[in-house]
């Protein structure tokens, strides 16, 4: 009985989380491994829904 409950629980969690993905769109100029000058101001732009939260992280402070 437990063997059927666990897959059903995982499947239901996956189905519930599908609508939670954000529809954020960025221009093709921004991408993985792009290079920016350190400690400068850069304008980042794109589109998202009115209540979407967007976070930009830089990696130069990580060591």
PDB file of N, CA and C in Angstrom:
ATOM      1  N   UNK A   1       0.818  -1.192   0.000  1.00  0.00           N
ATOM      2  CA  UNK A   1       0.000   0.000   0.000  1.00  0.00           C
ATOM      3  C   UNK A   1       0.866   1.260   0.000  1.00  0.00           C
ATOM      4  N   UNK A   2       1.952   1.266   0.808  1.00  0.00           N
ATOM      5  CA  UNK A   2       2.827   2.431   0.864  1.00  0.00           C
ATOM      6  C   UNK A   2       3.516   2.672  -0.475  1.00  0.00           C
ATOM      7  N   UNK A   3       3.756   1.612  -1.232  1.00  0.00           N
ATOM      8  CA  UNK A   3       4.435   1.759  -2.513  1.00  0.00           C
ATOM      9  C   UNK A   3       3.585   2.499  -3.530  1.00  0.00           C
ATOM     10  N   UNK A   4       2.289   2.494  -3.400  1.00  0.00           N
ATOM     11  CA  UNK A   4       1.437   3.238  -4.326  1.00  0.00           C
ATOM     12  C   UNK A   4       1.159   4.655  -3.838  1.00  0.00           C
ATOM     13  N   UNK A   5       1.278   4.890  -2.560  1.00  0.00           N
ATOM     14  CA  UNK A   5       1.019   6.226  -2.019  1.00  0.00           C
ATOM     15  C   UNK A   5       2.153   7.184  -2.366  1.00  0.00           C
ATOM     16  N   UNK A   6       3.385   6.735  -2.279  1.00  0.00           N
ATOM     17  CA  UNK A   6       4.532   7.616  -2.528  1.00  0.00           C
ATOM     18  C   UNK A   6       4.552   8.124  -3.969  1.00  0.00           C
ATOM     19  N   UNK A   7       4.436   7.272  -5.005  1.00  0.00           N
ATOM     20  CA  UNK A   7       4.401   7.813  -6.371  1.00  0.00           C
ATOM     21  C   UNK A   7       3.204   8.731  -6.614  1.00  0.00           C
ATOM     22  N   UNK A   8       2.069   8.421  -6.012  1.00  0.00           N
ATOM     23  CA  UNK A   8       0.900   9.285  -6.171  1.00  0.00           C
ATOM     24  C   UNK A   8       1.139  10.643  -5.526  1.00  0.00           C
ATOM     25  N   UNK A   9       1.805  10.671  -4.398  1.00  0.00           N
ATOM     26  CA  UNK A   9       2.121  11.928  -3.723  1.00  0.00           C
ATOM     27  C   UNK A   9       3.105  12.751  -4.545  1.00  0.00           C
ATOM     28  N   UNK A  10       4.129  12.114  -5.076  1.00  0.00           N
ATOM     29  CA  UNK A  10       5.113  12.820  -5.903  1.00  0.00           C
ATOM     30  C   UNK A  10       4.447  13.373  -7.155  1.00  0.00           C
ATOM     31  N   UNK A  11       3.614  12.588  -7.802  1.00  0.00           N
ATOM     32  CA  UNK A  11       2.917  13.042  -8.999  1.00  0.00           C
ATOM     33  C   UNK A  11       1.997  14.217  -8.695  1.00  0.00           C
ATOM     34  N   UNK A  12       1.291  14.176  -7.591  1.00  0.00           N
ATOM     35  CA  UNK A  12       0.402  15.285  -7.248  1.00  0.00           C
ATOM     36  C   UNK A  12       1.187  16.556  -6.935  1.00  0.00           C
ATOM     37  N   UNK A  13       2.344  16.438  -6.311  1.00  0.00           N
ATOM     38  CA  UNK A  13       3.178  17.618  -6.049  1.00  0.00           C
ATOM     39  C   UNK A  13       3.706  18.218  -7.343  1.00  0.00           C
ATOM     40  N   UNK A  14       4.067  17.381  -8.291  1.00  0.00           N
ATOM     41  CA  UNK A  14       4.528  17.883  -9.586  1.00  0.00           C
ATOM     42  C   UNK A  14       3.414  18.603 -10.334  1.00  0.00           C
ATOM     43  N   UNK A  15       2.224  18.062 -10.300  1.00  0.00           N
ATOM     44  CA  UNK A  15       1.092  18.683 -10.983  1.00  0.00           C
ATOM     45  C   UNK A  15       0.742  20.020 -10.339  1.00  0.00           C
ATOM     46  N   UNK A  16       0.813  20.100  -9.032  1.00  0.00           N
ATOM     47  CA  UNK A  16       0.501  21.345  -8.328  1.00  0.00           C
ATOM     48  C   UNK A  16       1.552  22.413  -8.611  1.00  0.00           C
ATOM     49  N   UNK A  17       2.815  22.027  -8.763  1.00  0.00           N
ATOM     50  CA  UNK A  17       3.882  23.012  -8.948  1.00  0.00           C
ATOM     51  C   UNK A  17       3.995  23.517 -10.378  1.00  0.00           C
ATOM     52  N   UNK A  18       3.351  22.899 -11.343  1.00  0.00           N
ATOM     53  CA  UNK A  18       3.443  23.352 -12.731  1.00  0.00           C
ATOM     54  C   UNK A  18       2.984  24.792 -12.935  1.00  0.00           C
ATOM     55  N   UNK A  19       1.859  25.229 -12.382  1.00  0.00           N
ATOM     56  CA  UNK A  19       1.444  26.612 -12.602  1.00  0.00           C
ATOM     57  C   UNK A  19       2.310  27.636 -11.872  1.00  0.00           C
ATOM     58  N   UNK A  20       3.225  27.214 -11.040  1.00  0.00           N
ATOM     59  CA  UNK A  20       4.049  28.143 -10.273  1.00  0.00           C
ATOM     60  C   UNK A  20       5.254  28.656 -11.045  1.00  0.00           C
ATOM     61  N   UNK A  21       5.495  28.163 -12.245  1.00  0.00           N
ATOM     62  CA  UNK A  21       6.660  28.616 -12.998  1.00  0.00           C
ATOM     63  C   UNK A  21       6.398  30.007 -13.570  1.00  0.00           C
ATOM     64  N   UNK A  22       7.412  30.842 -13.532  1.00  0.00           N
ATOM     65  CA  UNK A  22       7.289  32.215 -14.002  1.00  0.00           C
ATOM     66  C   UNK A  22       7.536  32.283 -15.501  1.00  0.00           C
ATOM     67  N   UNK A  23       6.881  33.204 -16.156  1.00  0.00           N
ATOM     68  CA  UNK A  23       7.064  33.436 -17.582  1.00  0.00           C
ATOM     69  C   UNK A  23       7.916  34.697 -17.748  1.00  0.00           C
ATOM     70  N   UNK A  24       9.208  34.545 -17.554  1.00  0.00           N
ATOM     71  CA  UNK A  24      10.140  35.661 -17.665  1.00  0.00           C
ATOM     72  C   UNK A  24      10.837  35.563 -19.009  1.00  0.00           C
ATOM     73  N   UNK A  25      10.916  36.666 -19.722  1.00  0.00           N
ATOM     74  CA  UNK A  25      11.533  36.687 -21.044  1.00  0.00           C
ATOM     75  C   UNK A  25      12.681  37.689 -21.048  1.00  0.00           C
ATOM     76  N   UNK A  26      13.842  37.243 -21.503  1.00  0.00           N
ATOM     77  CA  UNK A  26      15.021  38.105 -21.592  1.00  0.00           C
ATOM     78  C   UNK A  26      15.460  38.191 -23.048  1.00  0.00           C
ATOM     79  N   UNK A  27      16.017  39.321 -23.472  1.00  0.00           N
ATOM     80  CA  UNK A  27      16.547  39.419 -24.824  1.00  0.00           C
ATOM     81  C   UNK A  27      17.722  38.459 -25.014  1.00  0.00           C
ATOM     82  N   UNK A  28      18.011  38.101 -26.243  1.00  0.00           N
ATOM     83  CA  UNK A  28      19.073  37.129 -26.515  1.00  0.00           C
ATOM     84  C   UNK A  28      20.467  37.675 -26.213  1.00  0.00           C
ATOM     85  N   UNK A  29      20.597  38.973 -26.004  1.00  0.00           N
ATOM     86  CA  UNK A  29      21.910  39.539 -25.667  1.00  0.00           C
ATOM     87  C   UNK A  29      22.379  39.065 -24.292  1.00  0.00           C
ATOM     88  N   UNK A  30      21.435  38.732 -23.411  1.00  0.00           N
ATOM     89  CA  UNK A  30      21.774  38.209 -22.094  1.00  0.00           C
ATOM     90  C   UNK A  30      21.785  36.691 -22.158  1.00  0.00           C
ATOM     91  N   UNK A  31      22.819  36.071 -21.590  1.00  0.00           N
ATOM     92  CA  UNK A  31      22.883  34.615 -21.624  1.00  0.00           C
ATOM     93  C   UNK A  31      23.861  34.073 -20.609  1.00  0.00           C
ATOM     94  N   UNK A  32      23.980  32.754 -20.603  1.00  0.00           N
ATOM     95  CA  UNK A  32      24.915  32.091 -19.703  1.00  0.00           C
ATOM     96  C   UNK A  32      26.345  32.455 -20.086  1.00  0.00           C
ATOM     97  N   UNK A  33      27.185  32.570 -19.096  1.00  0.00           N
ATOM     98  CA  UNK A  33      28.617  32.841 -19.268  1.00  0.00           C
ATOM     99  C   UNK A  33      28.907  34.175 -19.947  1.00  0.00           C
ATOM    100  N   UNK A  34      27.988  35.117 -19.870  1.00  0.00           N
ATOM    101  CA  UNK A  34      28.278  36.436 -20.427  1.00  0.00           C
ATOM    102  C   UNK A  34      29.231  37.169 -19.486  1.00  0.00           C
ATOM    103  N   UNK A  35      29.979  38.092 -20.011  1.00  0.00           N
ATOM    104  CA  UNK A  35      31.002  38.800 -19.239  1.00  0.00           C
ATOM    105  C   UNK A  35      30.552  40.241 -19.021  1.00  0.00           C
ATOM    106  N   UNK A  36      30.566  40.668 -17.762  1.00  0.00           N
ATOM    107  CA  UNK A  36      30.266  42.051 -17.403  1.00  0.00           C
ATOM    108  C   UNK A  36      31.450  42.615 -16.641  1.00  0.00           C
ATOM    109  N   UNK A  37      31.666  43.910 -16.775  1.00  0.00           N
ATOM    110  CA  UNK A  37      32.744  44.533 -16.025  1.00  0.00           C
ATOM    111  C   UNK A  37      32.353  44.594 -14.558  1.00  0.00           C
ATOM    112  N   UNK A  38      33.298  44.274 -13.719  1.00  0.00           N
ATOM    113  CA  UNK A  38      33.057  44.211 -12.282  1.00  0.00           C
ATOM    114  C   UNK A  38      32.807  45.597 -11.698  1.00  0.00           C
ATOM    115  N   UNK A  39      31.890  45.647 -10.717  1.00  0.00           N
ATOM    116  CA  UNK A  39      31.576  46.860  -9.947  1.00  0.00           C
ATOM    117  C   UNK A  39      31.131  48.031 -10.820  1.00  0.00           C
ATOM    118  N   UNK A  40      30.386  47.756 -11.862  1.00  0.00           N
ATOM    119  CA  UNK A  40      29.807  48.810 -12.691  1.00  0.00           C
ATOM    120  C   UNK A  40      28.295  48.647 -12.696  1.00  0.00           C
ATOM    121  N   UNK A  41      27.603  49.659 -13.140  1.00  0.00           N
ATOM    122  CA  UNK A  41      26.150  49.590 -13.255  1.00  0.00           C
ATOM    123  C   UNK A  41      25.800  49.084 -14.651  1.00  0.00           C
ATOM    124  N   UNK A  42      24.898  48.114 -14.702  1.00  0.00           N
ATOM    125  CA  UNK A  42      24.459  47.532 -15.965  1.00  0.00           C
ATOM    126  C   UNK A  42      22.936  47.517 -15.974  1.00  0.00           C
ATOM    127  N   UNK A  43      22.346  47.979 -17.051  1.00  0.00           N
ATOM    128  CA  UNK A  43      20.888  47.949 -17.182  1.00  0.00           C
ATOM    129  C   UNK A  43      20.465  46.561 -17.658  1.00  0.00           C
ATOM    130  N   UNK A  44      19.695  45.876 -16.840  1.00  0.00           N
ATOM    131  CA  UNK A  44      19.152  44.564 -17.187  1.00  0.00           C
ATOM    132  C   UNK A  44      17.672  44.768 -17.477  1.00  0.00           C
ATOM    133  N   UNK A  45      17.204  44.283 -18.608  1.00  0.00           N
ATOM    134  CA  UNK A  45      15.808  44.484 -18.964  1.00  0.00           C
ATOM    135  C   UNK A  45      15.216  43.208 -19.548  1.00  0.00           C
ATOM    136  N   UNK A  46      13.913  43.133 -19.512  1.00  0.00           N
ATOM    137  CA  UNK A  46      13.173  41.983 -20.016  1.00  0.00           C
ATOM    138  C   UNK A  46      11.709  42.157 -19.659  1.00  0.00           C
ATOM    139  N   UNK A  47      10.928  41.103 -19.813  1.00  0.00           N
ATOM    140  CA  UNK A  47       9.510  41.183 -19.494  1.00  0.00           C
ATOM    141  C   UNK A  47       9.119  40.059 -18.543  1.00  0.00           C
ATOM    142  N   UNK A  48       8.151  40.348 -17.704  1.00  0.00           N
ATOM    143  CA  UNK A  48       7.601  39.366 -16.767  1.00  0.00           C
ATOM    144  C   UNK A  48       6.212  39.841 -16.370  1.00  0.00           C
ATOM    145  N   UNK A  49       5.487  38.998 -15.689  1.00  0.00           N
ATOM    146  CA  UNK A  49       4.159  39.365 -15.214  1.00  0.00           C
ATOM    147  C   UNK A  49       4.251  40.441 -14.148  1.00  0.00           C
ATOM    148  N   UNK A  50       3.157  41.136 -13.863  1.00  0.00           N
ATOM    149  CA  UNK A  50       3.194  42.240 -12.899  1.00  0.00           C
ATOM    150  C   UNK A  50       3.555  41.822 -11.478  1.00  0.00           C
ATOM    151  N   UNK A  51       3.270  40.603 -11.090  1.00  0.00           N
ATOM    152  CA  UNK A  51       3.575  40.167  -9.729  1.00  0.00           C
ATOM    153  C   UNK A  51       4.751  39.208  -9.669  1.00  0.00           C
ATOM    154  N   UNK A  52       5.510  39.075 -10.750  1.00  0.00           N
ATOM    155  CA  UNK A  52       6.645  38.161 -10.779  1.00  0.00           C
ATOM    156  C   UNK A  52       7.836  38.779 -10.064  1.00  0.00           C
ATOM    157  N   UNK A  53       8.593  37.950  -9.380  1.00  0.00           N
ATOM    158  CA  UNK A  53       9.798  38.404  -8.690  1.00  0.00           C
ATOM    159  C   UNK A  53      11.005  37.956  -9.507  1.00  0.00           C
ATOM    160  N   UNK A  54      11.882  38.884  -9.824  1.00  0.00           N
ATOM    161  CA  UNK A  54      13.064  38.600 -10.632  1.00  0.00           C
ATOM    162  C   UNK A  54      14.294  38.920  -9.800  1.00  0.00           C
ATOM    163  N   UNK A  55      15.264  38.008  -9.779  1.00  0.00           N
ATOM    164  CA  UNK A  55      16.494  38.191  -9.026  1.00  0.00           C
ATOM    165  C   UNK A  55      17.678  38.047  -9.963  1.00  0.00           C
ATOM    166  N   UNK A  56      18.610  38.977  -9.885  1.00  0.00           N
ATOM    167  CA  UNK A  56      19.849  38.912 -10.662  1.00  0.00           C
ATOM    168  C   UNK A  56      20.985  38.707  -9.676  1.00  0.00           C
ATOM    169  N   UNK A  57      21.773  37.656  -9.879  1.00  0.00           N
ATOM    170  CA  UNK A  57      22.899  37.359  -8.997  1.00  0.00           C
ATOM    171  C   UNK A  57      24.202  37.467  -9.773  1.00  0.00           C
ATOM    172  N   UNK A  58      25.211  38.039  -9.134  1.00  0.00           N
ATOM    173  CA  UNK A  58      26.548  38.104  -9.730  1.00  0.00           C
ATOM    174  C   UNK A  58      27.444  37.099  -9.025  1.00  0.00           C
ATOM    175  N   UNK A  59      28.463  36.653  -9.716  1.00  0.00           N
ATOM    176  CA  UNK A  59      29.301  35.601  -9.137  1.00  0.00           C
ATOM    177  C   UNK A  59      30.668  36.104  -8.688  1.00  0.00           C
ATOM    178  N   UNK A  60      30.977  37.380  -8.855  1.00  0.00           N
ATOM    179  CA  UNK A  60      32.328  37.816  -8.519  1.00  0.00           C
ATOM    180  C   UNK A  60      32.569  37.942  -7.024  1.00  0.00           C
ATOM    181  N   UNK A  61      31.533  37.894  -6.209  1.00  0.00           N
ATOM    182  CA  UNK A  61      31.742  37.940  -4.760  1.00  0.00           C
ATOM    183  C   UNK A  61      31.897  36.552  -4.154  1.00  0.00           C
ATOM    184  N   UNK A  62      31.722  35.517  -4.951  1.00  0.00           N
ATOM    185  CA  UNK A  62      31.855  34.142  -4.451  1.00  0.00           C
ATOM    186  C   UNK A  62      33.288  33.669  -4.622  1.00  0.00           C
ATOM    187  N   UNK A  63      33.778  32.958  -3.641  1.00  0.00           N
ATOM    188  CA  UNK A  63      35.129  32.396  -3.755  1.00  0.00           C
ATOM    189  C   UNK A  63      35.162  31.010  -3.199  1.00  0.00           C
TER     190      UNK A  63
END
